[in-house]
Protein backbone atom coordinates (compact mmCIF):
# COMPACT_ATOMS: atom_id res chain seq x y z
CA MET A 1 0.09 -0.01 -0.14
CA ALA A 2 1.20 3.45 -0.98
CA LEU A 3 2.31 6.17 1.29
CA GLU A 4 -0.64 8.86 1.08
CA ASN A 5 -0.48 12.54 1.99
CA THR A 6 -3.46 11.82 4.53
CA ASP A 7 -1.48 9.15 6.21
CA ILE A 8 1.36 11.54 6.83
CA GLN A 9 -0.81 14.31 7.95
CA ASP A 10 -3.25 12.20 10.31
CA LYS A 11 0.08 10.70 12.15
CA LEU A 12 1.83 14.16 12.47
CA THR A 13 -1.29 15.82 13.86
CA GLU A 14 -2.27 12.86 15.97
CA THR A 15 1.03 12.87 17.44
CA PHE A 16 2.23 16.81 17.33
CA GLY A 17 -1.23 18.47 17.45
CA GLU A 18 -1.08 22.18 16.52
CA HIS A 19 2.43 22.08 16.02
CA VAL A 20 1.93 20.81 12.77
CA PHE A 21 0.02 22.99 10.30
CA HIS A 22 -0.52 24.37 6.65
CA PHE A 23 -0.38 21.09 5.06
CA ASN A 24 -0.18 21.62 1.13
CA GLN A 25 0.58 19.68 -1.83
CA GLU A 26 3.18 21.34 -4.24
CA LYS A 27 3.73 19.72 -7.43
CA ASP A 28 5.05 16.34 -6.20
CA ILE A 29 5.79 17.16 -2.82
CA PHE A 30 3.73 17.24 0.39
CA SER A 31 4.74 20.52 2.32
CA PHE A 32 3.92 21.56 5.82
CA GLU A 33 5.04 23.87 8.57
CA VAL A 34 6.22 23.25 12.16
CA ALA A 35 6.96 24.91 15.27
CA ALA A 36 10.48 25.64 15.41
CA ASP A 37 10.81 24.52 18.92
CA LYS A 38 9.43 20.72 17.81
CA ILE A 39 11.54 20.45 14.67
CA THR A 40 14.00 17.54 15.97
CA ALA A 41 11.06 15.61 17.45
CA ILE A 42 9.21 15.67 14.07
CA ILE A 43 12.20 14.86 11.97
CA LEU A 44 13.04 12.01 14.42
CA PHE A 45 9.22 10.71 14.30
CA LEU A 46 9.19 10.92 10.30
CA LYS A 47 12.50 8.94 10.13
CA ASN A 48 11.75 6.34 12.70
CA ASP A 49 7.80 5.53 12.35
CA PRO A 50 7.58 2.39 10.74
CA LEU A 51 4.81 3.53 8.48
CA LEU A 52 6.35 6.71 7.07
CA ARG A 53 10.01 6.07 7.02
CA PHE A 54 11.51 9.11 5.62
CA ASN A 55 14.97 8.08 6.18
CA PHE A 56 16.92 10.25 3.82
CA LEU A 57 17.64 13.81 4.30
CA THR A 58 17.77 15.24 0.95
CA ASP A 59 18.43 18.76 1.69
CA LEU A 60 18.45 21.73 4.26
CA CYS A 61 18.54 25.37 3.63
CA GLY A 62 17.60 28.47 4.73
CA ILE A 63 15.80 31.67 3.50
CA HIS A 64 15.77 35.37 4.56
CA TYR A 65 12.38 37.48 4.51
CA PRO A 66 13.39 40.47 6.22
CA ASP A 67 10.24 42.27 5.59
CA ASN A 68 8.39 39.65 7.52
CA GLU A 69 7.23 40.15 11.39
CA VAL A 70 10.41 39.44 13.44
CA ASP A 71 9.47 35.79 14.60
CA ARG A 72 9.15 34.82 11.09
CA GLN A 73 12.21 36.33 9.33
CA PHE A 74 13.96 33.49 8.58
CA THR A 75 12.79 29.96 7.31
CA ILE A 76 14.85 26.84 7.46
CA VAL A 77 13.40 24.22 5.05
CA TYR A 78 13.90 20.52 4.96
CA HIS A 79 13.64 18.31 2.39
CA MET A 80 13.18 14.45 3.14
CA HIS A 81 12.52 11.22 1.14
CA ASN A 82 10.97 8.21 2.08
CA TRP A 83 12.56 5.61 -0.37
CA TYR A 84 10.22 2.73 -0.11
CA ASP A 85 7.22 4.40 -1.19
CA ASN A 86 9.25 7.06 -3.20
CA LYS A 87 7.43 10.09 -1.39
CA ARG A 88 9.06 13.45 -0.73
CA VAL A 89 8.12 15.82 1.93
CA LYS A 90 9.12 19.70 2.49
CA ILE A 91 9.24 20.88 6.21
CA LYS A 92 9.45 24.49 6.90
CA THR A 93 10.12 26.32 10.20
CA PHE A 94 10.25 30.02 10.82
CA ILE A 95 12.71 31.49 13.29
CA ASN A 96 13.20 34.86 14.67
CA GLY A 97 15.42 37.46 12.91
CA GLU A 98 16.69 39.32 15.58
CA LYS A 99 18.37 36.14 17.12
CA PRO A 100 18.15 33.13 14.49
CA GLU A 101 18.80 29.89 15.95
CA ILE A 102 17.17 26.38 15.91
CA LYS A 103 18.41 23.03 17.18
CA THR A 104 20.83 21.23 15.13
CA ILE A 105 19.70 17.58 13.36
CA SER A 106 23.09 16.62 12.58
CA ASN A 107 22.84 14.10 15.45
CA ILE A 108 19.76 12.33 13.49
CA PHE A 109 21.09 12.68 10.14
CA LEU A 110 24.92 13.01 9.83
CA SER A 111 24.38 14.95 6.31
CA ALA A 112 22.99 17.88 8.00
CA ASN A 113 26.10 18.58 9.51
CA TRP A 114 27.48 20.35 6.18
CA MET A 115 24.40 21.53 5.32
CA GLU A 116 23.74 23.34 8.94
CA ARG A 117 27.43 24.87 8.32
CA GLU A 118 26.68 26.40 4.86
CA THR A 119 23.31 27.78 6.23
CA PHE A 120 25.16 29.45 8.91
CA ASP A 121 27.59 30.38 6.79
CA PHE A 122 25.27 32.35 4.68
CA TYR A 123 22.48 33.45 6.75
CA GLY A 124 24.13 33.20 10.35
CA VAL A 125 21.87 30.75 11.59
CA ASP A 126 22.98 29.33 14.87
CA PHE A 127 22.31 25.51 14.99
CA ILE A 128 22.24 24.74 18.85
CA GLY A 129 24.07 21.78 19.64
CA HIS A 130 25.86 21.34 16.44
CA PRO A 131 29.35 19.91 16.97
CA GLN A 132 31.55 22.23 14.62
CA LEU A 133 29.36 25.02 13.83
CA LYS A 134 32.08 27.23 11.71
CA ARG A 135 32.36 28.64 8.12
CA ILE A 136 32.57 26.45 5.59
CA LEU A 137 32.74 28.41 2.48
CA ASN A 138 33.61 31.96 3.33
CA MET A 139 36.29 33.42 4.98
CA ASP A 140 36.56 33.12 8.79
CA GLU A 141 37.25 36.99 8.99
CA MET A 142 34.00 37.48 7.37
CA ILE A 143 31.56 39.24 9.73
CA SER A 144 28.44 39.45 7.55
CA PHE A 145 26.26 36.64 6.15
CA PRO A 146 26.26 37.35 2.47
CA MET A 147 22.80 35.60 1.76
CA ARG A 148 20.88 38.20 3.96
CA LYS A 149 18.92 40.63 2.22
CA GLU A 150 21.03 43.55 3.92
CA PHE A 151 24.00 42.26 2.62
CA PRO A 152 25.24 44.70 -0.45
CA LEU A 153 25.64 43.05 -3.79
CA GLU A 154 28.75 44.31 -4.75
CA ASP A 155 31.50 45.17 -3.07
CA GLY A 156 32.30 49.17 -2.99
CA GLY A 157 36.04 48.82 -1.94
CA ARG A 158 37.26 46.77 -4.89
CA THR A 159 40.11 48.25 -6.87
CA ASP A 160 40.24 45.55 -9.32
CA LYS A 161 37.34 46.16 -11.68
CA ASP A 162 37.01 49.08 -13.89
CA ASP A 163 33.54 49.86 -14.32
CA ARG A 164 33.71 50.99 -17.98
CA PHE A 165 33.97 47.57 -18.75
CA PHE A 166 30.56 46.79 -17.21
CA GLY A 167 28.76 49.81 -19.04
CA ARG A 168 28.34 51.74 -15.44
CA THR A 169 29.89 55.06 -16.49
CA ILE A 170 28.65 57.75 -18.71
CA ASP A 171 30.87 59.21 -21.29
CA ASN A 172 30.91 63.08 -21.09
CA CYS A 173 32.90 63.68 -24.34
């Protein structure tokens, strides 16, 4: 018997109640939102439940929404896959913009280690309990987070490029 969206939704709402909400089918991915303080319990439940068996973390990433209210300025998105039934889910959780932090799931899925480090590196999200949360792609000396919307698109201090070659100057001849 194939795993249906209603099976997933029923098991989650039965176990976690109002902490799981906004169920929606987006193309071939069943998506829903969860309360940030329940993320580890829900991920663990999806992985270990004998009916659900979402035993593969496909992706983990961040999104910055600076115009949202403070408690919803960052979103952490988890994509999980059940290989047995070839079913995928997308889990979204919103976190605070002033102090973006959420519990790590690197103790549940080892692959989350680098995904969380990348999200920290680009968005500044603190994954509480992560074994080695440090920059993975950017320089350690960097004080900003380049995927945040307030990060400038260009470095105004660069001297190695000539704006004339990019059509940015007006010739006054």
